[in-house]
Amino acid sequence: MSLTLHPPLLCLDHGIKRLGVAVSDRAWLTAREVAVIKRTTREDDFRKLRALYEQHKAAAVVIGLPSHEFEGTGEHTQADTVRLWVERFIEATHYPVLLWDEQFSSHDAKVLATRLRRKTTDPIDDLAARVILQSYLDALRDGLAPAPPIPTQE
């Protein structure tokens, strides 16, 4: 059985203070953490993300979307904040983006950080992005997720 190789996928864990970044392998089987970006301005954040996208020759960006099933209607949620940021990110970069549920990613990232023997004071945003991307890759492999929105070459 041969593996199909693709350009990697980049994944972002959106936070108020930091952005976690992970990348997939070319077989879309595994994810690894890449960076934690301390947020400054939107323009600077997007510039850093463009550089990582180009560096890894990524095909698309998977962005973790918080899901809070118990929030009341009409309330502004963290998911609303992420969706607005994603709209601005797409307008600025024109990259193909897929939103993916990030439920439990922070908890799983804390467990992973412990296994990797990271200090408890170290940020884990990159590990959260890794967890989100691995969740997406596993679901994609199992036929439970849509393919990333990669533009076709003409």
N, C-alpha and C. Protein backbone atom coordinates (compact mmCIF):
# COMPACT_ATOMS: atom_id res chain seq x y z
N MET A 1 0.85 -1.18 0.00
CA MET A 1 0.00 0.00 0.00
C MET A 1 0.89 1.24 0.00
N SER A 2 0.71 2.09 -0.98
CA SER A 2 1.52 3.30 -1.05
C SER A 2 0.74 4.48 -0.49
N LEU A 3 1.47 5.40 0.08
CA LEU A 3 0.85 6.59 0.65
C LEU A 3 0.83 7.70 -0.38
N THR A 4 -0.25 8.44 -0.38
CA THR A 4 -0.32 9.63 -1.21
C THR A 4 0.29 10.78 -0.44
N LEU A 5 1.17 11.51 -1.09
CA LEU A 5 1.80 12.65 -0.44
C LEU A 5 1.13 13.94 -0.90
N HIS A 6 0.99 14.87 0.04
CA HIS A 6 0.33 16.15 -0.19
C HIS A 6 1.20 17.24 0.39
N PRO A 7 0.94 18.48 0.01
CA PRO A 7 1.56 19.57 0.76
C PRO A 7 1.03 19.51 2.20
N PRO A 8 1.84 19.87 3.18
CA PRO A 8 1.40 19.81 4.58
C PRO A 8 0.22 20.74 4.87
N LEU A 9 -0.44 20.45 5.98
CA LEU A 9 -1.49 21.32 6.50
C LEU A 9 -0.92 22.05 7.71
N LEU A 10 -1.23 23.32 7.82
CA LEU A 10 -0.86 24.10 8.99
C LEU A 10 -2.08 24.14 9.90
N CYS A 11 -1.87 24.18 11.20
CA CYS A 11 -3.00 24.27 12.13
C CYS A 11 -2.73 25.37 13.14
N LEU A 12 -3.79 26.11 13.47
CA LEU A 12 -3.69 27.19 14.44
C LEU A 12 -4.63 26.96 15.61
N ASP A 13 -4.09 27.18 16.80
CA ASP A 13 -4.89 27.25 18.01
C ASP A 13 -4.97 28.73 18.37
N HIS A 14 -6.14 29.32 18.19
CA HIS A 14 -6.33 30.75 18.40
C HIS A 14 -6.52 31.04 19.88
N GLY A 15 -5.70 31.93 20.39
CA GLY A 15 -5.85 32.39 21.76
C GLY A 15 -5.77 33.90 21.82
N ILE A 16 -6.20 34.46 22.91
CA ILE A 16 -6.19 35.91 23.07
C ILE A 16 -4.75 36.44 23.14
N LYS A 17 -3.87 35.72 23.85
CA LYS A 17 -2.49 36.17 24.02
C LYS A 17 -1.51 35.52 23.07
N ARG A 18 -1.83 34.28 22.64
CA ARG A 18 -0.89 33.53 21.81
C ARG A 18 -1.63 32.74 20.72
N LEU A 19 -0.87 32.43 19.67
CA LEU A 19 -1.34 31.53 18.62
C LEU A 19 -0.43 30.31 18.63
N GLY A 20 -1.02 29.14 18.75
CA GLY A 20 -0.24 27.91 18.66
C GLY A 20 -0.25 27.44 17.22
N VAL A 21 0.87 26.93 16.76
CA VAL A 21 0.98 26.49 15.36
C VAL A 21 1.54 25.07 15.32
N ALA A 22 0.91 24.24 14.48
CA ALA A 22 1.38 22.87 14.24
C ALA A 22 1.34 22.63 12.74
N VAL A 23 2.01 21.57 12.31
CA VAL A 23 2.04 21.22 10.89
C VAL A 23 1.92 19.71 10.74
N SER A 24 1.32 19.29 9.64
CA SER A 24 1.20 17.85 9.38
C SER A 24 2.39 17.38 8.56
N ASP A 25 2.55 16.07 8.51
CA ASP A 25 3.52 15.50 7.57
C ASP A 25 2.86 15.50 6.19
N ARG A 26 3.61 15.10 5.17
CA ARG A 26 3.08 15.12 3.80
C ARG A 26 2.11 13.98 3.52
N ALA A 27 2.09 12.96 4.36
CA ALA A 27 1.13 11.86 4.19
C ALA A 27 -0.18 12.15 4.92
N TRP A 28 -0.23 13.25 5.64
CA TRP A 28 -1.40 13.65 6.43
C TRP A 28 -1.76 12.59 7.46
N LEU A 29 -0.71 12.04 8.09
CA LEU A 29 -0.92 11.03 9.13
C LEU A 29 -0.61 11.56 10.52
N THR A 30 0.40 12.41 10.63
CA THR A 30 0.82 12.88 11.95
C THR A 30 0.99 14.40 11.97
N ALA A 31 0.85 14.94 13.16
CA ALA A 31 1.02 16.37 13.38
C ALA A 31 2.16 16.59 14.36
N ARG A 32 2.83 17.71 14.22
CA ARG A 32 3.86 18.09 15.19
C ARG A 32 3.76 19.59 15.45
N GLU A 33 4.16 19.95 16.65
CA GLU A 33 4.11 21.36 17.03
C GLU A 33 5.23 22.12 16.33
N VAL A 34 4.96 23.41 16.03
CA VAL A 34 5.93 24.22 15.30
C VAL A 34 6.33 25.46 16.08
N ALA A 35 5.33 26.21 16.58
CA ALA A 35 5.65 27.50 17.19
C ALA A 35 4.53 27.98 18.08
N VAL A 36 4.91 28.87 18.99
CA VAL A 36 3.94 29.66 19.75
C VAL A 36 4.24 31.11 19.39
N ILE A 37 3.24 31.78 18.87
CA ILE A 37 3.40 33.17 18.48
C ILE A 37 2.73 34.04 19.52
N LYS A 38 3.53 34.91 20.15
CA LYS A 38 2.96 35.87 21.09
C LYS A 38 2.29 36.95 20.27
N ARG A 39 1.00 37.15 20.51
CA ARG A 39 0.24 38.08 19.69
C ARG A 39 0.61 39.52 19.99
N THR A 40 0.70 40.30 18.92
CA THR A 40 0.97 41.73 19.05
C THR A 40 -0.13 42.48 18.32
N THR A 41 0.08 42.73 17.04
CA THR A 41 -0.96 43.35 16.22
C THR A 41 -1.46 42.30 15.22
N ARG A 42 -2.65 42.51 14.71
CA ARG A 42 -3.19 41.58 13.73
C ARG A 42 -2.26 41.49 12.52
N GLU A 43 -1.76 42.63 12.05
CA GLU A 43 -0.89 42.64 10.88
C GLU A 43 0.39 41.85 11.15
N ASP A 44 0.98 42.05 12.31
CA ASP A 44 2.21 41.33 12.65
C ASP A 44 1.93 39.83 12.82
N ASP A 45 0.81 39.50 13.47
CA ASP A 45 0.44 38.09 13.62
C ASP A 45 0.27 37.43 12.24
N PHE A 46 -0.44 38.10 11.34
CA PHE A 46 -0.66 37.55 10.00
C PHE A 46 0.66 37.43 9.24
N ARG A 47 1.57 38.39 9.41
CA ARG A 47 2.88 38.33 8.75
C ARG A 47 3.64 37.09 9.20
N LYS A 48 3.64 36.83 10.50
CA LYS A 48 4.34 35.65 11.04
C LYS A 48 3.68 34.36 10.54
N LEU A 49 2.36 34.35 10.47
CA LEU A 49 1.66 33.16 9.99
C LEU A 49 1.91 32.93 8.50
N ARG A 50 1.97 34.02 7.73
CA ARG A 50 2.31 33.88 6.30
C ARG A 50 3.69 33.26 6.14
N ALA A 51 4.63 33.71 6.95
CA ALA A 51 6.01 33.18 6.87
C ALA A 51 6.03 31.68 7.16
N LEU A 52 5.29 31.24 8.17
CA LEU A 52 5.23 29.81 8.50
C LEU A 52 4.53 29.02 7.40
N TYR A 53 3.47 29.58 6.84
CA TYR A 53 2.74 28.92 5.76
C TYR A 53 3.68 28.70 4.57
N GLU A 54 4.42 29.74 4.22
CA GLU A 54 5.35 29.64 3.09
C GLU A 54 6.52 28.71 3.42
N GLN A 55 7.05 28.81 4.61
CA GLN A 55 8.18 27.97 5.02
C GLN A 55 7.84 26.49 4.90
N HIS A 56 6.64 26.13 5.30
CA HIS A 56 6.23 24.72 5.28
C HIS A 56 5.54 24.33 3.97
N LYS A 57 5.39 25.33 3.07
CA LYS A 57 4.73 25.09 1.78
C LYS A 57 3.36 24.42 1.99
N ALA A 58 2.60 24.99 2.92
CA ALA A 58 1.32 24.42 3.32
C ALA A 58 0.27 24.54 2.22
N ALA A 59 -0.68 23.63 2.26
CA ALA A 59 -1.77 23.60 1.29
C ALA A 59 -3.01 24.32 1.81
N ALA A 60 -3.20 24.29 3.13
CA ALA A 60 -4.39 24.87 3.75
C ALA A 60 -4.12 25.03 5.23
N VAL A 61 -5.04 25.72 5.89
CA VAL A 61 -4.91 25.97 7.32
C VAL A 61 -6.14 25.41 8.04
N VAL A 62 -5.90 24.59 9.04
CA VAL A 62 -6.95 24.09 9.92
C VAL A 62 -6.91 24.97 11.16
N ILE A 63 -8.06 25.50 11.54
CA ILE A 63 -8.10 26.39 12.71
C ILE A 63 -9.10 25.82 13.72
N GLY A 64 -8.62 25.70 14.96
CA GLY A 64 -9.47 25.17 16.02
C GLY A 64 -10.60 26.12 16.35
N LEU A 65 -11.80 25.57 16.41
CA LEU A 65 -12.99 26.36 16.74
C LEU A 65 -13.57 25.85 18.05
N PRO A 66 -13.66 26.71 19.07
CA PRO A 66 -14.26 26.29 20.33
C PRO A 66 -15.73 25.92 20.14
N SER A 67 -16.14 24.88 20.83
CA SER A 67 -17.56 24.52 20.79
C SER A 67 -18.08 24.51 22.22
N HIS A 68 -19.11 25.28 22.43
CA HIS A 68 -19.70 25.38 23.77
C HIS A 68 -21.20 25.17 23.62
N GLU A 69 -21.61 23.94 23.74
CA GLU A 69 -23.00 23.60 23.48
C GLU A 69 -23.96 24.15 24.52
N PHE A 70 -23.47 24.61 25.68
CA PHE A 70 -24.36 25.06 26.74
C PHE A 70 -24.49 26.57 26.83
N GLU A 71 -23.88 27.31 25.90
CA GLU A 71 -24.00 28.76 25.94
C GLU A 71 -25.36 29.18 25.40
N GLY A 72 -25.90 30.22 25.97
CA GLY A 72 -27.21 30.71 25.55
C GLY A 72 -27.15 31.40 24.20
N THR A 73 -28.27 31.43 23.54
CA THR A 73 -28.34 32.11 22.25
C THR A 73 -28.28 33.61 22.48
N GLY A 74 -27.71 34.32 21.52
CA GLY A 74 -27.60 35.77 21.63
C GLY A 74 -26.38 36.24 22.37
N GLU A 75 -25.66 35.33 23.03
CA GLU A 75 -24.43 35.70 23.74
C GLU A 75 -23.26 35.66 22.77
N HIS A 76 -22.33 36.62 22.93
CA HIS A 76 -21.11 36.60 22.13
C HIS A 76 -20.19 35.55 22.74
N THR A 77 -19.78 34.58 21.95
CA THR A 77 -18.99 33.47 22.45
C THR A 77 -17.55 33.55 21.97
N GLN A 78 -16.72 32.71 22.55
CA GLN A 78 -15.33 32.61 22.09
C GLN A 78 -15.31 32.13 20.64
N ALA A 79 -16.24 31.27 20.27
CA ALA A 79 -16.33 30.80 18.88
C ALA A 79 -16.62 31.97 17.94
N ASP A 80 -17.46 32.91 18.37
CA ASP A 80 -17.74 34.09 17.55
C ASP A 80 -16.48 34.91 17.34
N THR A 81 -15.68 35.07 18.39
CA THR A 81 -14.42 35.80 18.30
C THR A 81 -13.48 35.12 17.30
N VAL A 82 -13.39 33.79 17.39
CA VAL A 82 -12.51 33.05 16.48
C VAL A 82 -13.02 33.18 15.05
N ARG A 83 -14.32 33.06 14.84
CA ARG A 83 -14.87 33.17 13.48
C ARG A 83 -14.56 34.54 12.86
N LEU A 84 -14.69 35.60 13.65
CA LEU A 84 -14.38 36.95 13.15
C LEU A 84 -12.90 37.05 12.80
N TRP A 85 -12.04 36.53 13.67
CA TRP A 85 -10.60 36.54 13.40
C TRP A 85 -10.29 35.75 12.12
N VAL A 86 -10.95 34.61 11.94
CA VAL A 86 -10.74 33.78 10.75
C VAL A 86 -11.15 34.54 9.50
N GLU A 87 -12.27 35.25 9.55
CA GLU A 87 -12.70 36.05 8.39
C GLU A 87 -11.62 37.06 8.01
N ARG A 88 -11.06 37.72 9.00
CA ARG A 88 -10.00 38.71 8.75
C ARG A 88 -8.73 38.03 8.24
N PHE A 89 -8.42 36.86 8.78
CA PHE A 89 -7.25 36.10 8.34
C PHE A 89 -7.39 35.71 6.87
N ILE A 90 -8.56 35.23 6.49
CA ILE A 90 -8.80 34.83 5.10
C ILE A 90 -8.72 36.04 4.17
N GLU A 91 -9.31 37.17 4.59
CA GLU A 91 -9.24 38.39 3.79
C GLU A 91 -7.80 38.84 3.57
N ALA A 92 -6.96 38.68 4.59
CA ALA A 92 -5.57 39.14 4.52
C ALA A 92 -4.67 38.17 3.77
N THR A 93 -4.96 36.89 3.84
CA THR A 93 -4.04 35.90 3.28
C THR A 93 -4.57 35.16 2.05
N HIS A 94 -5.88 35.04 1.95
CA HIS A 94 -6.53 34.26 0.89
C HIS A 94 -6.18 32.78 0.95
N TYR A 95 -5.74 32.30 2.12
CA TYR A 95 -5.43 30.88 2.28
C TYR A 95 -6.71 30.07 2.46
N PRO A 96 -6.73 28.84 1.96
CA PRO A 96 -7.88 27.97 2.23
C PRO A 96 -7.89 27.59 3.71
N VAL A 97 -9.05 27.69 4.34
CA VAL A 97 -9.18 27.46 5.78
C VAL A 97 -10.30 26.46 6.04
N LEU A 98 -10.06 25.59 7.00
CA LEU A 98 -11.07 24.65 7.47
C LEU A 98 -11.15 24.79 8.98
N LEU A 99 -12.35 24.99 9.51
CA LEU A 99 -12.54 25.07 10.96
C LEU A 99 -12.75 23.66 11.50
N TRP A 100 -12.12 23.38 12.67
CA TRP A 100 -12.22 22.05 13.26
C TRP A 100 -12.44 22.19 14.76
N ASP A 101 -13.32 21.38 15.30
CA ASP A 101 -13.66 21.43 16.72
C ASP A 101 -12.42 21.21 17.58
N GLU A 102 -12.18 22.13 18.49
CA GLU A 102 -11.01 22.02 19.36
C GLU A 102 -11.36 21.54 20.77
N GLN A 103 -12.53 20.98 20.93
CA GLN A 103 -12.97 20.53 22.24
C GLN A 103 -11.93 19.61 22.88
N PHE A 104 -11.60 19.83 24.11
CA PHE A 104 -10.66 19.06 24.92
C PHE A 104 -9.20 19.24 24.50
N SER A 105 -8.90 20.09 23.53
CA SER A 105 -7.51 20.22 23.07
C SER A 105 -6.61 20.77 24.17
N SER A 106 -7.09 21.71 24.97
CA SER A 106 -6.25 22.26 26.04
C SER A 106 -5.93 21.19 27.08
N HIS A 107 -6.92 20.39 27.45
CA HIS A 107 -6.68 19.31 28.41
C HIS A 107 -5.67 18.31 27.85
N ASP A 108 -5.89 17.89 26.60
CA ASP A 108 -4.98 16.93 25.97
C ASP A 108 -3.58 17.51 25.82
N ALA A 109 -3.48 18.82 25.54
CA ALA A 109 -2.19 19.47 25.40
C ALA A 109 -1.46 19.50 26.75
N LYS A 110 -2.19 19.68 27.84
CA LYS A 110 -1.57 19.65 29.18
C LYS A 110 -1.01 18.26 29.47
N VAL A 111 -1.76 17.23 29.12
CA VAL A 111 -1.29 15.86 29.32
C VAL A 111 -0.03 15.62 28.48
N LEU A 112 -0.06 16.07 27.24
CA LEU A 112 1.09 15.91 26.35
C LEU A 112 2.30 16.67 26.88
N ALA A 113 2.08 17.88 27.38
CA ALA A 113 3.17 18.68 27.94
C ALA A 113 3.84 17.97 29.11
N THR A 114 3.03 17.32 29.93
CA THR A 114 3.57 16.55 31.05
C THR A 114 4.42 15.39 30.54
N ARG A 115 3.91 14.67 29.54
CA ARG A 115 4.66 13.56 28.95
C ARG A 115 5.97 14.02 28.33
N LEU A 116 5.97 15.24 27.76
CA LEU A 116 7.17 15.79 27.14
C LEU A 116 8.08 16.48 28.15
N ARG A 117 7.66 16.47 29.41
CA ARG A 117 8.40 17.08 30.51
C ARG A 117 8.63 18.57 30.34
N ARG A 118 7.61 19.23 29.84
CA ARG A 118 7.67 20.69 29.76
C ARG A 118 7.40 21.27 31.14
N LYS A 119 7.95 22.44 31.38
CA LYS A 119 7.68 23.13 32.63
C LYS A 119 6.21 23.53 32.66
N THR A 120 5.63 23.53 33.84
CA THR A 120 4.21 23.88 33.97
C THR A 120 3.96 25.35 33.60
N THR A 121 5.01 26.16 33.59
CA THR A 121 4.85 27.58 33.24
C THR A 121 5.02 27.83 31.73
N ASP A 122 5.47 26.82 30.99
CA ASP A 122 5.66 26.98 29.55
C ASP A 122 4.31 27.00 28.84
N PRO A 123 4.19 27.83 27.78
CA PRO A 123 2.94 27.82 27.03
C PRO A 123 2.74 26.48 26.32
N ILE A 124 1.48 26.10 26.14
CA ILE A 124 1.18 24.82 25.48
C ILE A 124 0.33 25.03 24.22
N ASP A 125 0.28 26.26 23.74
CA ASP A 125 -0.56 26.58 22.58
C ASP A 125 -0.14 25.77 21.35
N ASP A 126 1.16 25.55 21.18
CA ASP A 126 1.63 24.75 20.04
C ASP A 126 1.19 23.30 20.18
N LEU A 127 1.19 22.80 21.41
CA LEU A 127 0.72 21.42 21.63
C LEU A 127 -0.79 21.31 21.41
N ALA A 128 -1.52 22.36 21.77
CA ALA A 128 -2.97 22.37 21.51
C ALA A 128 -3.22 22.33 20.01
N ALA A 129 -2.43 23.09 19.24
CA ALA A 129 -2.57 23.06 17.77
C ALA A 129 -2.24 21.67 17.25
N ARG A 130 -1.24 21.03 17.82
CA ARG A 130 -0.89 19.66 17.42
C ARG A 130 -2.04 18.70 17.69
N VAL A 131 -2.66 18.82 18.86
CA VAL A 131 -3.80 17.96 19.23
C VAL A 131 -4.97 18.19 18.27
N ILE A 132 -5.26 19.45 17.96
CA ILE A 132 -6.36 19.77 17.04
C ILE A 132 -6.09 19.16 15.67
N LEU A 133 -4.88 19.38 15.17
CA LEU A 133 -4.53 18.87 13.84
C LEU A 133 -4.54 17.35 13.81
N GLN A 134 -4.02 16.71 14.85
CA GLN A 134 -4.02 15.24 14.88
C GLN A 134 -5.46 14.72 14.91
N SER A 135 -6.33 15.38 15.63
CA SER A 135 -7.74 14.99 15.67
C SER A 135 -8.34 15.08 14.26
N TYR A 136 -8.04 16.17 13.56
CA TYR A 136 -8.54 16.33 12.20
C TYR A 136 -7.98 15.25 11.28
N LEU A 137 -6.67 15.02 11.34
CA LEU A 137 -6.04 14.01 10.47
C LEU A 137 -6.62 12.62 10.72
N ASP A 138 -6.84 12.28 11.98
CA ASP A 138 -7.42 10.97 12.31
C ASP A 138 -8.83 10.86 11.75
N ALA A 139 -9.63 11.92 11.90
CA ALA A 139 -11.00 11.91 11.38
C ALA A 139 -10.99 11.86 9.85
N LEU A 140 -10.07 12.57 9.23
CA LEU A 140 -9.95 12.56 7.77
C LEU A 140 -9.63 11.16 7.27
N ARG A 141 -8.67 10.52 7.91
CA ARG A 141 -8.27 9.15 7.54
C ARG A 141 -9.44 8.17 7.70
N ASP A 142 -10.26 8.39 8.73
CA ASP A 142 -11.39 7.49 9.01
C ASP A 142 -12.65 7.86 8.22
N GLY A 143 -12.55 8.87 7.35
CA GLY A 143 -13.70 9.28 6.55
C GLY A 143 -14.73 10.07 7.32
N LEU A 144 -14.34 10.65 8.44
CA LEU A 144 -15.28 11.39 9.30
C LEU A 144 -15.11 12.91 9.21
N ALA A 145 -14.24 13.36 8.32
CA ALA A 145 -13.99 14.79 8.18
C ALA A 145 -13.92 15.13 6.70
N PRO A 146 -14.31 16.36 6.37
CA PRO A 146 -14.20 16.78 4.98
C PRO A 146 -12.73 16.99 4.60
N ALA A 147 -12.43 16.79 3.34
CA ALA A 147 -11.07 17.08 2.85
C ALA A 147 -10.79 18.55 3.00
N PRO A 148 -9.55 18.92 3.19
CA PRO A 148 -9.23 20.35 3.30
C PRO A 148 -9.54 21.06 1.99
N PRO A 149 -9.92 22.34 2.08
CA PRO A 149 -10.31 23.08 0.87
C PRO A 149 -9.10 23.56 0.07
N ILE A 150 -8.46 22.62 -0.62
CA ILE A 150 -7.25 22.95 -1.37
C ILE A 150 -7.65 23.34 -2.80
N PRO A 151 -7.19 24.51 -3.25
CA PRO A 151 -7.52 24.92 -4.62
C PRO A 151 -6.90 23.95 -5.63
N THR A 152 -7.62 23.67 -6.69
CA THR A 152 -7.08 22.79 -7.72
C THR A 152 -6.16 23.56 -8.65
N GLN A 153 -5.16 22.89 -9.15
CA GLN A 153 -4.22 23.50 -10.11
C GLN A 153 -4.85 23.43 -11.49
N GLU A 154 -4.84 24.52 -12.20
CA GLU A 154 -5.40 24.51 -13.56
C GLU A 154 -4.32 24.79 -14.56
